[in-house]
Amino acid sequence: PGKERELVAGINSDGITNYADSMKGRFTISRDNAKNTVYLQ
């Protein structure tokens, strides 16, 4: 609330990930290409 939308994490088609600094070590992004699904733990 009251803030701009910000990136949490991303993953490209090669499985390479990137995270916002405040989420590193706490959040994990993954994808299941067969299910066209992305997850955020």
PDB file of all heavy atoms in Angstrom:
ATOM      1  N   PRO A   1       0.822  -1.214   0.000  1.00  0.00           N
ATOM      2  CA  PRO A   1       0.000   0.000   0.000  1.00  0.00           C
ATOM      3  C   PRO A   1       0.853   1.260   0.000  1.00  0.00           C
ATOM      4  O   PRO A   1       1.791   1.392   0.798  1.00  0.00           O
ATOM      5  CB  PRO A   1      -0.795  -0.122   1.300  1.00  0.00           C
ATOM      6  CG  PRO A   1      -0.868  -1.580   1.563  1.00  0.00           C
ATOM      7  CD  PRO A   1       0.439  -2.130   1.084  1.00  0.00           C
ATOM      8  N   GLY A   2       0.548   2.163  -0.903  1.00  0.00           N
ATOM      9  CA  GLY A   2       1.267   3.427  -0.971  1.00  0.00           C
ATOM     10  C   GLY A   2       2.631   3.347  -1.615  1.00  0.00           C
ATOM     11  O   GLY A   2       3.357   4.355  -1.632  1.00  0.00           O
ATOM     12  N   LYS A   3       2.991   2.186  -2.126  1.00  0.00           N
ATOM     13  CA  LYS A   3       4.304   2.018  -2.739  1.00  0.00           C
ATOM     14  C   LYS A   3       4.163   1.578  -4.199  1.00  0.00           C
ATOM     15  O   LYS A   3       3.121   1.088  -4.617  1.00  0.00           O
ATOM     16  CB  LYS A   3       5.138   1.007  -1.959  1.00  0.00           C
ATOM     17  CG  LYS A   3       5.476   1.439  -0.542  1.00  0.00           C
ATOM     18  CD  LYS A   3       6.451   0.473   0.115  1.00  0.00           C
ATOM     19  CE  LYS A   3       6.848   0.939   1.496  1.00  0.00           C
ATOM     20  NZ  LYS A   3       7.810   0.003   2.139  1.00  0.00           N
ATOM     21  N   GLU A   4       5.248   1.746  -4.939  1.00  0.00           N
ATOM     22  CA  GLU A   4       5.260   1.315  -6.321  1.00  0.00           C
ATOM     23  C   GLU A   4       5.464  -0.199  -6.404  1.00  0.00           C
ATOM     24  O   GLU A   4       6.021  -0.826  -5.501  1.00  0.00           O
ATOM     25  CB  GLU A   4       6.371   2.040  -7.084  1.00  0.00           C
ATOM     26  CG  GLU A   4       6.143   3.531  -7.213  1.00  0.00           C
ATOM     27  CD  GLU A   4       7.187   4.206  -8.095  1.00  0.00           C
ATOM     28  OE1 GLU A   4       8.144   3.518  -8.498  1.00  0.00           O
ATOM     29  OE2 GLU A   4       7.038   5.399  -8.369  1.00  0.00           O
ATOM     30  N   ARG A   5       5.021  -0.753  -7.515  1.00  0.00           N
ATOM     31  CA  ARG A   5       5.241  -2.172  -7.751  1.00  0.00           C
ATOM     32  C   ARG A   5       6.743  -2.414  -7.938  1.00  0.00           C
ATOM     33  O   ARG A   5       7.424  -1.655  -8.640  1.00  0.00           O
ATOM     34  CB  ARG A   5       4.459  -2.642  -8.966  1.00  0.00           C
ATOM     35  CG  ARG A   5       4.442  -4.142  -9.173  1.00  0.00           C
ATOM     36  CD  ARG A   5       3.515  -4.535 -10.312  1.00  0.00           C
ATOM     37  NE  ARG A   5       2.124  -4.162 -10.026  1.00  0.00           N
ATOM     38  CZ  ARG A   5       1.093  -4.540 -10.784  1.00  0.00           C
ATOM     39  NH1 ARG A   5       1.291  -5.291 -11.857  1.00  0.00           N
ATOM     40  NH2 ARG A   5      -0.129  -4.163 -10.477  1.00  0.00           N
ATOM     41  N   GLU A   6       7.254  -3.477  -7.320  1.00  0.00           N
ATOM     42  CA  GLU A   6       8.679  -3.765  -7.404  1.00  0.00           C
ATOM     43  C   GLU A   6       8.920  -5.215  -7.775  1.00  0.00           C
ATOM     44  O   GLU A   6       8.104  -6.097  -7.476  1.00  0.00           O
ATOM     45  CB  GLU A   6       9.365  -3.468  -6.058  1.00  0.00           C
ATOM     46  CG  GLU A   6       8.871  -4.311  -4.902  1.00  0.00           C
ATOM     47  CD  GLU A   6       9.651  -4.068  -3.615  1.00  0.00           C
ATOM     48  OE1 GLU A   6      10.692  -3.387  -3.644  1.00  0.00           O
ATOM     49  OE2 GLU A   6       9.210  -4.590  -2.566  1.00  0.00           O
ATOM     50  N   LEU A   7      10.056  -5.448  -8.390  1.00  0.00           N
ATOM     51  CA  LEU A   7      10.448  -6.808  -8.748  1.00  0.00           C
ATOM     52  C   LEU A   7      10.810  -7.591  -7.494  1.00  0.00           C
ATOM     53  O   LEU A   7      11.524  -7.099  -6.629  1.00  0.00           O
ATOM     54  CB  LEU A   7      11.649  -6.789  -9.692  1.00  0.00           C
ATOM     55  CG  LEU A   7      12.275  -8.146 -10.009  1.00  0.00           C
ATOM     56  CD1 LEU A   7      11.341  -8.986 -10.871  1.00  0.00           C
ATOM     57  CD2 LEU A   7      13.626  -7.962 -10.682  1.00  0.00           C
ATOM     58  N   VAL A   8      10.305  -8.814  -7.410  1.00  0.00           N
ATOM     59  CA  VAL A   8      10.688  -9.723  -6.338  1.00  0.00           C
ATOM     60  C   VAL A   8      11.744 -10.698  -6.858  1.00  0.00           C
ATOM     61  O   VAL A   8      12.821 -10.820  -6.302  1.00  0.00           O
ATOM     62  CB  VAL A   8       9.465 -10.509  -5.820  1.00  0.00           C
ATOM     63  CG1 VAL A   8       9.905 -11.564  -4.813  1.00  0.00           C
ATOM     64  CG2 VAL A   8       8.439  -9.558  -5.212  1.00  0.00           C
ATOM     65  N   ALA A   9      11.412 -11.386  -7.944  1.00  0.00           N
ATOM     66  CA  ALA A   9      12.325 -12.374  -8.518  1.00  0.00           C
ATOM     67  C   ALA A   9      11.919 -12.667  -9.952  1.00  0.00           C
ATOM     68  O   ALA A   9      10.750 -12.517 -10.312  1.00  0.00           O
ATOM     69  CB  ALA A   9      12.317 -13.664  -7.701  1.00  0.00           C
ATOM     70  N   GLY A  10      12.890 -13.068 -10.747  1.00  0.00           N
ATOM     71  CA  GLY A  10      12.623 -13.426 -12.135  1.00  0.00           C
ATOM     72  C   GLY A  10      13.397 -14.669 -12.519  1.00  0.00           C
ATOM     73  O   GLY A  10      14.400 -15.016 -11.886  1.00  0.00           O
ATOM     74  N   ILE A  11      12.902 -15.338 -13.552  1.00  0.00           N
ATOM     75  CA  ILE A  11      13.587 -16.532 -14.067  1.00  0.00           C
ATOM     76  C   ILE A  11      13.383 -16.569 -15.576  1.00  0.00           C
ATOM     77  O   ILE A  11      12.262 -16.379 -16.066  1.00  0.00           O
ATOM     78  CB  ILE A  11      13.049 -17.813 -13.385  1.00  0.00           C
ATOM     79  CG1 ILE A  11      13.814 -19.045 -13.865  1.00  0.00           C
ATOM     80  CG2 ILE A  11      11.553 -17.970 -13.566  1.00  0.00           C
ATOM     81  CD1 ILE A  11      13.540 -20.290 -13.001  1.00  0.00           C
ATOM     82  N   ASN A  12      14.460 -16.782 -16.307  1.00  0.00           N
ATOM     83  CA  ASN A  12      14.323 -16.780 -17.759  1.00  0.00           C
ATOM     84  C   ASN A  12      14.149 -18.202 -18.282  1.00  0.00           C
ATOM     85  O   ASN A  12      14.060 -19.172 -17.519  1.00  0.00           O
ATOM     86  CB  ASN A  12      15.500 -16.056 -18.409  1.00  0.00           C
ATOM     87  CG  ASN A  12      16.821 -16.795 -18.256  1.00  0.00           C
ATOM     88  OD1 ASN A  12      16.865 -17.948 -17.818  1.00  0.00           O
ATOM     89  ND2 ASN A  12      17.905 -16.128 -18.635  1.00  0.00           N
ATOM     90  N   SER A  13      14.104 -18.325 -19.591  1.00  0.00           N
ATOM     91  CA  SER A  13      13.834 -19.619 -20.202  1.00  0.00           C
ATOM     92  C   SER A  13      14.971 -20.612 -19.987  1.00  0.00           C
ATOM     93  O   SER A  13      14.761 -21.824 -20.125  1.00  0.00           O
ATOM     94  CB  SER A  13      13.575 -19.452 -21.711  1.00  0.00           C
ATOM     95  OG  SER A  13      14.663 -18.796 -22.327  1.00  0.00           O
ATOM     96  N   ASP A  14      16.152 -20.126 -19.641  1.00  0.00           N
ATOM     97  CA  ASP A  14      17.287 -21.010 -19.349  1.00  0.00           C
ATOM     98  C   ASP A  14      17.368 -21.374 -17.874  1.00  0.00           C
ATOM     99  O   ASP A  14      18.302 -22.066 -17.466  1.00  0.00           O
ATOM    100  CB  ASP A  14      18.599 -20.345 -19.775  1.00  0.00           C
ATOM    101  CG  ASP A  14      18.689 -20.175 -21.275  1.00  0.00           C
ATOM    102  OD1 ASP A  14      18.203 -21.072 -21.997  1.00  0.00           O
ATOM    103  OD2 ASP A  14      19.228 -19.143 -21.726  1.00  0.00           O
ATOM    104  N   GLY A  15      16.413 -20.862 -17.090  1.00  0.00           N
ATOM    105  CA  GLY A  15      16.422 -21.156 -15.665  1.00  0.00           C
ATOM    106  C   GLY A  15      17.305 -20.240 -14.841  1.00  0.00           C
ATOM    107  O   GLY A  15      17.486 -20.479 -13.648  1.00  0.00           O
ATOM    108  N   ILE A  16      17.821 -19.219 -15.457  1.00  0.00           N
ATOM    109  CA  ILE A  16      18.651 -18.262 -14.727  1.00  0.00           C
ATOM    110  C   ILE A  16      17.747 -17.338 -13.917  1.00  0.00           C
ATOM    111  O   ILE A  16      16.775 -16.800 -14.447  1.00  0.00           O
ATOM    112  CB  ILE A  16      19.533 -17.458 -15.689  1.00  0.00           C
ATOM    113  CG1 ILE A  16      20.490 -18.412 -16.422  1.00  0.00           C
ATOM    114  CG2 ILE A  16      20.319 -16.388 -14.932  1.00  0.00           C
ATOM    115  CD1 ILE A  16      21.284 -17.750 -17.510  1.00  0.00           C
ATOM    116  N   THR A  17      18.087 -17.174 -12.659  1.00  0.00           N
ATOM    117  CA  THR A  17      17.239 -16.415 -11.752  1.00  0.00           C
ATOM    118  C   THR A  17      17.895 -15.112 -11.319  1.00  0.00           C
ATOM    119  O   THR A  17      19.119 -14.961 -11.358  1.00  0.00           O
ATOM    120  CB  THR A  17      16.911 -17.237 -10.499  1.00  0.00           C
ATOM    121  OG1 THR A  17      18.128 -17.577  -9.825  1.00  0.00           O
ATOM    122  CG2 THR A  17      16.183 -18.517 -10.861  1.00  0.00           C
ATOM    123  N   ASN A  18      17.065 -14.182 -10.906  1.00  0.00           N
ATOM    124  CA  ASN A  18      17.549 -12.955 -10.290  1.00  0.00           C
ATOM    125  C   ASN A  18      16.562 -12.556  -9.206  1.00  0.00           C
ATOM    126  O   ASN A  18      15.359 -12.843  -9.310  1.00  0.00           O
ATOM    127  CB  ASN A  18      17.741 -11.831 -11.310  1.00  0.00           C
ATOM    128  CG  ASN A  18      16.452 -11.386 -11.944  1.00  0.00           C
ATOM    129  OD1 ASN A  18      15.853 -12.090 -12.740  1.00  0.00           O
ATOM    130  ND2 ASN A  18      15.979 -10.196 -11.565  1.00  0.00           N
ATOM    131  N   TYR A  19      17.074 -11.924  -8.167  1.00  0.00           N
ATOM    132  CA  TYR A  19      16.270 -11.561  -7.011  1.00  0.00           C
ATOM    133  C   TYR A  19      16.557 -10.123  -6.593  1.00  0.00           C
ATOM    134  O   TYR A  19      17.673  -9.628  -6.734  1.00  0.00           O
ATOM    135  CB  TYR A  19      16.597 -12.474  -5.825  1.00  0.00           C
ATOM    136  CG  TYR A  19      16.275 -13.927  -6.037  1.00  0.00           C
ATOM    137  CD1 TYR A  19      17.229 -14.795  -6.572  1.00  0.00           C
ATOM    138  CD2 TYR A  19      15.027 -14.435  -5.696  1.00  0.00           C
ATOM    139  CE1 TYR A  19      16.941 -16.132  -6.775  1.00  0.00           C
ATOM    140  CE2 TYR A  19      14.727 -15.772  -5.885  1.00  0.00           C
ATOM    141  CZ  TYR A  19      15.683 -16.612  -6.429  1.00  0.00           C
ATOM    142  OH  TYR A  19      15.392 -17.941  -6.621  1.00  0.00           O
ATOM    143  N   ALA A  20      15.533  -9.502  -6.029  1.00  0.00           N
ATOM    144  CA  ALA A  20      15.765  -8.234  -5.356  1.00  0.00           C
ATOM    145  C   ALA A  20      16.617  -8.514  -4.124  1.00  0.00           C
ATOM    146  O   ALA A  20      16.522  -9.583  -3.519  1.00  0.00           O
ATOM    147  CB  ALA A  20      14.434  -7.608  -4.956  1.00  0.00           C
ATOM    148  N   ASP A  21      17.441  -7.560  -3.770  1.00  0.00           N
ATOM    149  CA  ASP A  21      18.399  -7.783  -2.679  1.00  0.00           C
ATOM    150  C   ASP A  21      17.726  -8.218  -1.380  1.00  0.00           C
ATOM    151  O   ASP A  21      18.225  -9.093  -0.672  1.00  0.00           O
ATOM    152  CB  ASP A  21      19.220  -6.516  -2.442  1.00  0.00           C
ATOM    153  CG  ASP A  21      20.238  -6.277  -3.556  1.00  0.00           C
ATOM    154  OD1 ASP A  21      20.527  -7.223  -4.310  1.00  0.00           O
ATOM    155  OD2 ASP A  21      20.734  -5.139  -3.660  1.00  0.00           O
ATOM    156  N   SER A  22      16.583  -7.626  -1.070  1.00  0.00           N
ATOM    157  CA  SER A  22      15.945  -7.918   0.219  1.00  0.00           C
ATOM    158  C   SER A  22      15.321  -9.316   0.257  1.00  0.00           C
ATOM    159  O   SER A  22      14.947  -9.803   1.324  1.00  0.00           O
ATOM    160  CB  SER A  22      14.880  -6.869   0.529  1.00  0.00           C
ATOM    161  OG  SER A  22      13.863  -6.873  -0.463  1.00  0.00           O
ATOM    162  N   MET A  23      15.213  -9.985  -0.887  1.00  0.00           N
ATOM    163  CA  MET A  23      14.618 -11.318  -0.945  1.00  0.00           C
ATOM    164  C   MET A  23      15.670 -12.420  -1.067  1.00  0.00           C
ATOM    165  O   MET A  23      15.350 -13.597  -0.868  1.00  0.00           O
ATOM    166  CB  MET A  23      13.684 -11.434  -2.158  1.00  0.00           C
ATOM    167  CG  MET A  23      12.373 -10.675  -2.026  1.00  0.00           C
ATOM    168  SD  MET A  23      12.605  -8.891  -1.968  1.00  0.00           S
ATOM    169  CE  MET A  23      11.086  -8.272  -2.590  1.00  0.00           C
ATOM    170  N   LYS A  24      16.894 -12.054  -1.377  1.00  0.00           N
ATOM    171  CA  LYS A  24      17.935 -13.066  -1.558  1.00  0.00           C
ATOM    172  C   LYS A  24      18.115 -13.882  -0.293  1.00  0.00           C
ATOM    173  O   LYS A  24      18.202 -13.354   0.805  1.00  0.00           O
ATOM    174  CB  LYS A  24      19.257 -12.398  -1.943  1.00  0.00           C
ATOM    175  CG  LYS A  24      19.276 -11.848  -3.357  1.00  0.00           C
ATOM    176  CD  LYS A  24      20.616 -11.197  -3.677  1.00  0.00           C
ATOM    177  CE  LYS A  24      20.619 -10.634  -5.097  1.00  0.00           C
ATOM    178  NZ  LYS A  24      21.892  -9.938  -5.408  1.00  0.00           N
ATOM    179  N   GLY A  25      18.163 -15.196  -0.462  1.00  0.00           N
ATOM    180  CA  GLY A  25      18.344 -16.092   0.665  1.00  0.00           C
ATOM    181  C   GLY A  25      17.056 -16.481   1.365  1.00  0.00           C
ATOM    182  O   GLY A  25      17.040 -17.423   2.163  1.00  0.00           O
ATOM    183  N   ARG A  26      15.976 -15.762   1.093  1.00  0.00           N
ATOM    184  CA  ARG A  26      14.687 -16.078   1.726  1.00  0.00           C
ATOM    185  C   ARG A  26      13.670 -16.601   0.721  1.00  0.00           C
ATOM    186  O   ARG A  26      12.852 -17.460   1.056  1.00  0.00           O
ATOM    187  CB  ARG A  26      14.103 -14.838   2.412  1.00  0.00           C
ATOM    188  CG  ARG A  26      14.975 -14.268   3.507  1.00  0.00           C
ATOM    189  CD  ARG A  26      14.239 -13.197   4.305  1.00  0.00           C
ATOM    190  NE  ARG A  26      13.820 -12.066   3.469  1.00  0.00           N
ATOM    191  CZ  ARG A  26      12.561 -11.635   3.377  1.00  0.00           C
ATOM    192  NH1 ARG A  26      11.588 -12.238   4.037  1.00  0.00           N
ATOM    193  NH2 ARG A  26      12.276 -10.595   2.611  1.00  0.00           N
ATOM    194  N   PHE A  27      13.700 -16.066  -0.501  1.00  0.00           N
ATOM    195  CA  PHE A  27      12.737 -16.440  -1.529  1.00  0.00           C
ATOM    196  C   PHE A  27      13.439 -17.259  -2.613  1.00  0.00           C
ATOM    197  O   PHE A  27      14.606 -17.024  -2.920  1.00  0.00           O
ATOM    198  CB  PHE A  27      12.131 -15.201  -2.169  1.00  0.00           C
ATOM    199  CG  PHE A  27      11.239 -14.383  -1.263  1.00  0.00           C
ATOM    200  CD1 PHE A  27      11.107 -14.671   0.078  1.00  0.00           C
ATOM    201  CD2 PHE A  27      10.534 -13.304  -1.780  1.00  0.00           C
ATOM    202  CE1 PHE A  27      10.290 -13.918   0.894  1.00  0.00           C
ATOM    203  CE2 PHE A  27       9.713 -12.540  -0.973  1.00  0.00           C
ATOM    204  CZ  PHE A  27       9.587 -12.845   0.373  1.00  0.00           C
ATOM    205  N   THR A  28      12.691 -18.200  -3.190  1.00  0.00           N
ATOM    206  CA  THR A  28      13.210 -19.000  -4.291  1.00  0.00           C
ATOM    207  C   THR A  28      12.158 -19.071  -5.394  1.00  0.00           C
ATOM    208  O   THR A  28      11.013 -19.470  -5.141  1.00  0.00           O
ATOM    209  CB  THR A  28      13.554 -20.425  -3.838  1.00  0.00           C
ATOM    210  OG1 THR A  28      14.511 -20.370  -2.777  1.00  0.00           O
ATOM    211  CG2 THR A  28      14.135 -21.226  -4.997  1.00  0.00           C
ATOM    212  N   ILE A  29      12.568 -18.675  -6.588  1.00  0.00           N
ATOM    213  CA  ILE A  29      11.675 -18.759  -7.735  1.00  0.00           C
ATOM    214  C   ILE A  29      12.033 -19.996  -8.550  1.00  0.00           C
ATOM    215  O   ILE A  29      13.215 -20.357  -8.672  1.00  0.00           O
ATOM    216  CB  ILE A  29      11.756 -17.480  -8.607  1.00  0.00           C
ATOM    217  CG1 ILE A  29      10.672 -17.486  -9.684  1.00  0.00           C
ATOM    218  CG2 ILE A  29      13.141 -17.315  -9.222  1.00  0.00           C
ATOM    219  CD1 ILE A  29      10.553 -16.152 -10.432  1.00  0.00           C
ATOM    220  N   SER A  30      11.025 -20.641  -9.092  1.00  0.00           N
ATOM    221  CA  SER A  30      11.251 -21.812  -9.946  1.00  0.00           C
ATOM    222  C   SER A  30      10.125 -21.878 -10.980  1.00  0.00           C
ATOM    223  O   SER A  30       9.114 -21.191 -10.846  1.00  0.00           O
ATOM    224  CB  SER A  30      11.304 -23.097  -9.118  1.00  0.00           C
ATOM    225  OG  SER A  30      10.081 -23.299  -8.428  1.00  0.00           O
ATOM    226  N   ARG A  31      10.339 -22.691 -11.995  1.00  0.00           N
ATOM    227  CA  ARG A  31       9.326 -22.821 -13.029  1.00  0.00           C
ATOM    228  C   ARG A  31       9.224 -24.264 -13.492  1.00  0.00           C
ATOM    229  O   ARG A  31      10.217 -25.001 -13.486  1.00  0.00           O
ATOM    230  CB  ARG A  31       9.611 -21.890 -14.202  1.00  0.00           C
ATOM    231  CG  ARG A  31      10.911 -22.147 -14.931  1.00  0.00           C
ATOM    232  CD  ARG A  31      11.240 -21.030 -15.927  1.00  0.00           C
ATOM    233  NE  ARG A  31      10.438 -21.112 -17.141  1.00  0.00           N
ATOM    234  CZ  ARG A  31      10.460 -20.199 -18.107  1.00  0.00           C
ATOM    235  NH1 ARG A  31      11.231 -19.124 -17.991  1.00  0.00           N
ATOM    236  NH2 ARG A  31       9.712 -20.351 -19.190  1.00  0.00           N
ATOM    237  N   ASP A  32       8.024 -24.640 -13.892  1.00  0.00           N
ATOM    238  CA  ASP A  32       7.777 -25.958 -14.472  1.00  0.00           C
ATOM    239  C   ASP A  32       7.284 -25.695 -15.886  1.00  0.00           C
ATOM    240  O   ASP A  32       6.121 -25.322 -16.092  1.00  0.00           O
ATOM    241  CB  ASP A  32       6.737 -26.709 -13.646  1.00  0.00           C
ATOM    242  CG  ASP A  32       6.506 -28.127 -14.148  1.00  0.00           C
ATOM    243  OD1 ASP A  32       6.696 -28.382 -15.357  1.00  0.00           O
ATOM    244  OD2 ASP A  32       6.116 -28.979 -13.343  1.00  0.00           O
ATOM    245  N   ASN A  33       8.157 -25.858 -16.850  1.00  0.00           N
ATOM    246  CA  ASN A  33       7.808 -25.528 -18.227  1.00  0.00           C
ATOM    247  C   ASN A  33       6.704 -26.424 -18.775  1.00  0.00           C
ATOM    248  O   ASN A  33       5.897 -25.994 -19.604  1.00  0.00           O
ATOM    249  CB  ASN A  33       9.041 -25.609 -19.117  1.00  0.00           C
ATOM    250  CG  ASN A  33      10.048 -24.516 -18.792  1.00  0.00           C
ATOM    251  OD1 ASN A  33       9.686 -23.419 -18.381  1.00  0.00           O
ATOM    252  ND2 ASN A  33      11.321 -24.818 -18.967  1.00  0.00           N
ATOM    253  N   ALA A  34       6.661 -27.663 -18.329  1.00  0.00           N
ATOM    254  CA  ALA A  34       5.632 -28.581 -18.809  1.00  0.00           C
ATOM    255  C   ALA A  34       4.245 -28.128 -18.369  1.00  0.00           C
ATOM    256  O   ALA A  34       3.247 -28.393 -19.043  1.00  0.00           O
ATOM    257  CB  ALA A  34       5.914 -29.987 -18.309  1.00  0.00           C
ATOM    258  N   LYS A  35       4.190 -27.458 -17.230  1.00  0.00           N
ATOM    259  CA  LYS A  35       2.910 -26.990 -16.689  1.00  0.00           C
ATOM    260  C   LYS A  35       2.697 -25.496 -16.904  1.00  0.00           C
ATOM    261  O   LYS A  35       1.678 -24.952 -16.469  1.00  0.00           O
ATOM    262  CB  LYS A  35       2.837 -27.301 -15.192  1.00  0.00           C
ATOM    263  CG  LYS A  35       2.850 -28.778 -14.855  1.00  0.00           C
ATOM    264  CD  LYS A  35       2.741 -28.998 -13.348  1.00  0.00           C
ATOM    265  CE  LYS A  35       2.719 -30.478 -13.013  1.00  0.00           C
ATOM    266  NZ  LYS A  35       2.637 -30.707 -11.542  1.00  0.00           N
ATOM    267  N   ASN A  36       3.665 -24.836 -17.561  1.00  0.00           N
ATOM    268  CA  ASN A  36       3.575 -23.379 -17.751  1.00  0.00           C
ATOM    269  C   ASN A  36       3.287 -22.670 -16.435  1.00  0.00           C
ATOM    270  O   ASN A  36       2.436 -21.776 -16.349  1.00  0.00           O
ATOM    271  CB  ASN A  36       2.488 -23.030 -18.779  1.00  0.00           C
ATOM    272  CG  ASN A  36       2.854 -23.459 -20.181  1.00  0.00           C
ATOM    273  OD1 ASN A  36       4.030 -23.418 -20.561  1.00  0.00           O
ATOM    274  ND2 ASN A  36       1.875 -23.882 -20.945  1.00  0.00           N
ATOM    275  N   THR A  37       4.014 -23.076 -15.416  1.00  0.00           N
ATOM    276  CA  THR A  37       3.760 -22.569 -14.072  1.00  0.00           C
ATOM    277  C   THR A  37       5.047 -22.044 -13.460  1.00  0.00           C
ATOM    278  O   THR A  37       6.117 -22.636 -13.623  1.00  0.00           O
ATOM    279  CB  THR A  37       3.168 -23.672 -13.184  1.00  0.00           C
ATOM    280  OG1 THR A  37       1.929 -24.109 -13.749  1.00  0.00           O
ATOM    281  CG2 THR A  37       2.912 -23.167 -11.771  1.00  0.00           C
ATOM    282  N   VAL A  38       4.905 -20.934 -12.750  1.00  0.00           N
ATOM    283  CA  VAL A  38       6.025 -20.369 -12.005  1.00  0.00           C
ATOM    284  C   VAL A  38       5.644 -20.354 -10.530  1.00  0.00           C
ATOM    285  O   VAL A  38       4.491 -20.130 -10.174  1.00  0.00           O
ATOM    286  CB  VAL A  38       6.391 -18.956 -12.512  1.00  0.00           C
ATOM    287  CG1 VAL A  38       5.235 -17.982 -12.355  1.00  0.00           C
ATOM    288  CG2 VAL A  38       7.638 -18.429 -11.820  1.00  0.00           C
ATOM    289  N   TYR A  39       6.636 -20.623  -9.700  1.00  0.00           N
ATOM    290  CA  TYR A  39       6.427 -20.701  -8.258  1.00  0.00           C
ATOM    291  C   TYR A  39       7.315 -19.692  -7.547  1.00  0.00           C
ATOM    292  O   TYR A  39       8.362 -19.305  -8.040  1.00  0.00           O
ATOM    293  CB  TYR A  39       6.761 -22.104  -7.736  1.00  0.00           C
ATOM    294  CG  TYR A  39       6.021 -23.218  -8.429  1.00  0.00           C
ATOM    295  CD1 TYR A  39       6.611 -23.905  -9.496  1.00  0.00           C
ATOM    296  CD2 TYR A  39       4.747 -23.588  -8.032  1.00  0.00           C
ATOM    297  CE1 TYR A  39       5.945 -24.939 -10.133  1.00  0.00           C
ATOM    298  CE2 TYR A  39       4.067 -24.616  -8.671  1.00  0.00           C
ATOM    299  CZ  TYR A  39       4.672 -25.283  -9.719  1.00  0.00           C
ATOM    300  OH  TYR A  39       4.002 -26.302 -10.355  1.00  0.00           O
ATOM    301  N   LEU A  40       6.864 -19.316  -6.356  1.00  0.00           N
ATOM    302  CA  LEU A  40       7.694 -18.487  -5.483  1.00  0.00           C
ATOM    303  C   LEU A  40       7.586 -19.049  -4.074  1.00  0.00           C
ATOM    304  O   LEU A  40       6.532 -18.962  -3.442  1.00  0.00           O
ATOM    305  CB  LEU A  40       7.241 -17.020  -5.499  1.00  0.00           C
ATOM    306  CG  LEU A  40       8.113 -16.069  -4.684  1.00  0.00           C
ATOM    307  CD1 LEU A  40       9.500 -15.930  -5.347  1.00  0.00           C
ATOM    308  CD2 LEU A  40       7.462 -14.703  -4.536  1.00  0.00           C
ATOM    309  N   GLN A  41       8.664 -19.650  -3.622  1.00  0.00           N
ATOM    310  CA  GLN A  41       8.741 -20.148  -2.249  1.00  0.00           C
ATOM    311  C   GLN A  41       9.278 -19.022  -1.377  1.00  0.00           C
ATOM    312  O   GLN A  41      10.373 -18.518  -1.626  1.00  0.00           O
ATOM    313  CB  GLN A  41       9.653 -21.372  -2.167  1.00  0.00           C
ATOM    314  CG  GLN A  41       9.835 -21.909  -0.764  1.00  0.00           C
ATOM    315  CD  GLN A  41       8.567 -22.494  -0.183  1.00  0.00           C
ATOM    316  OE1 GLN A  41       7.837 -23.208  -0.870  1.00  0.00           O
ATOM    317  NE2 GLN A  41       8.287 -22.194   1.080  1.00  0.00           N
TER     318      GLN A  41
END
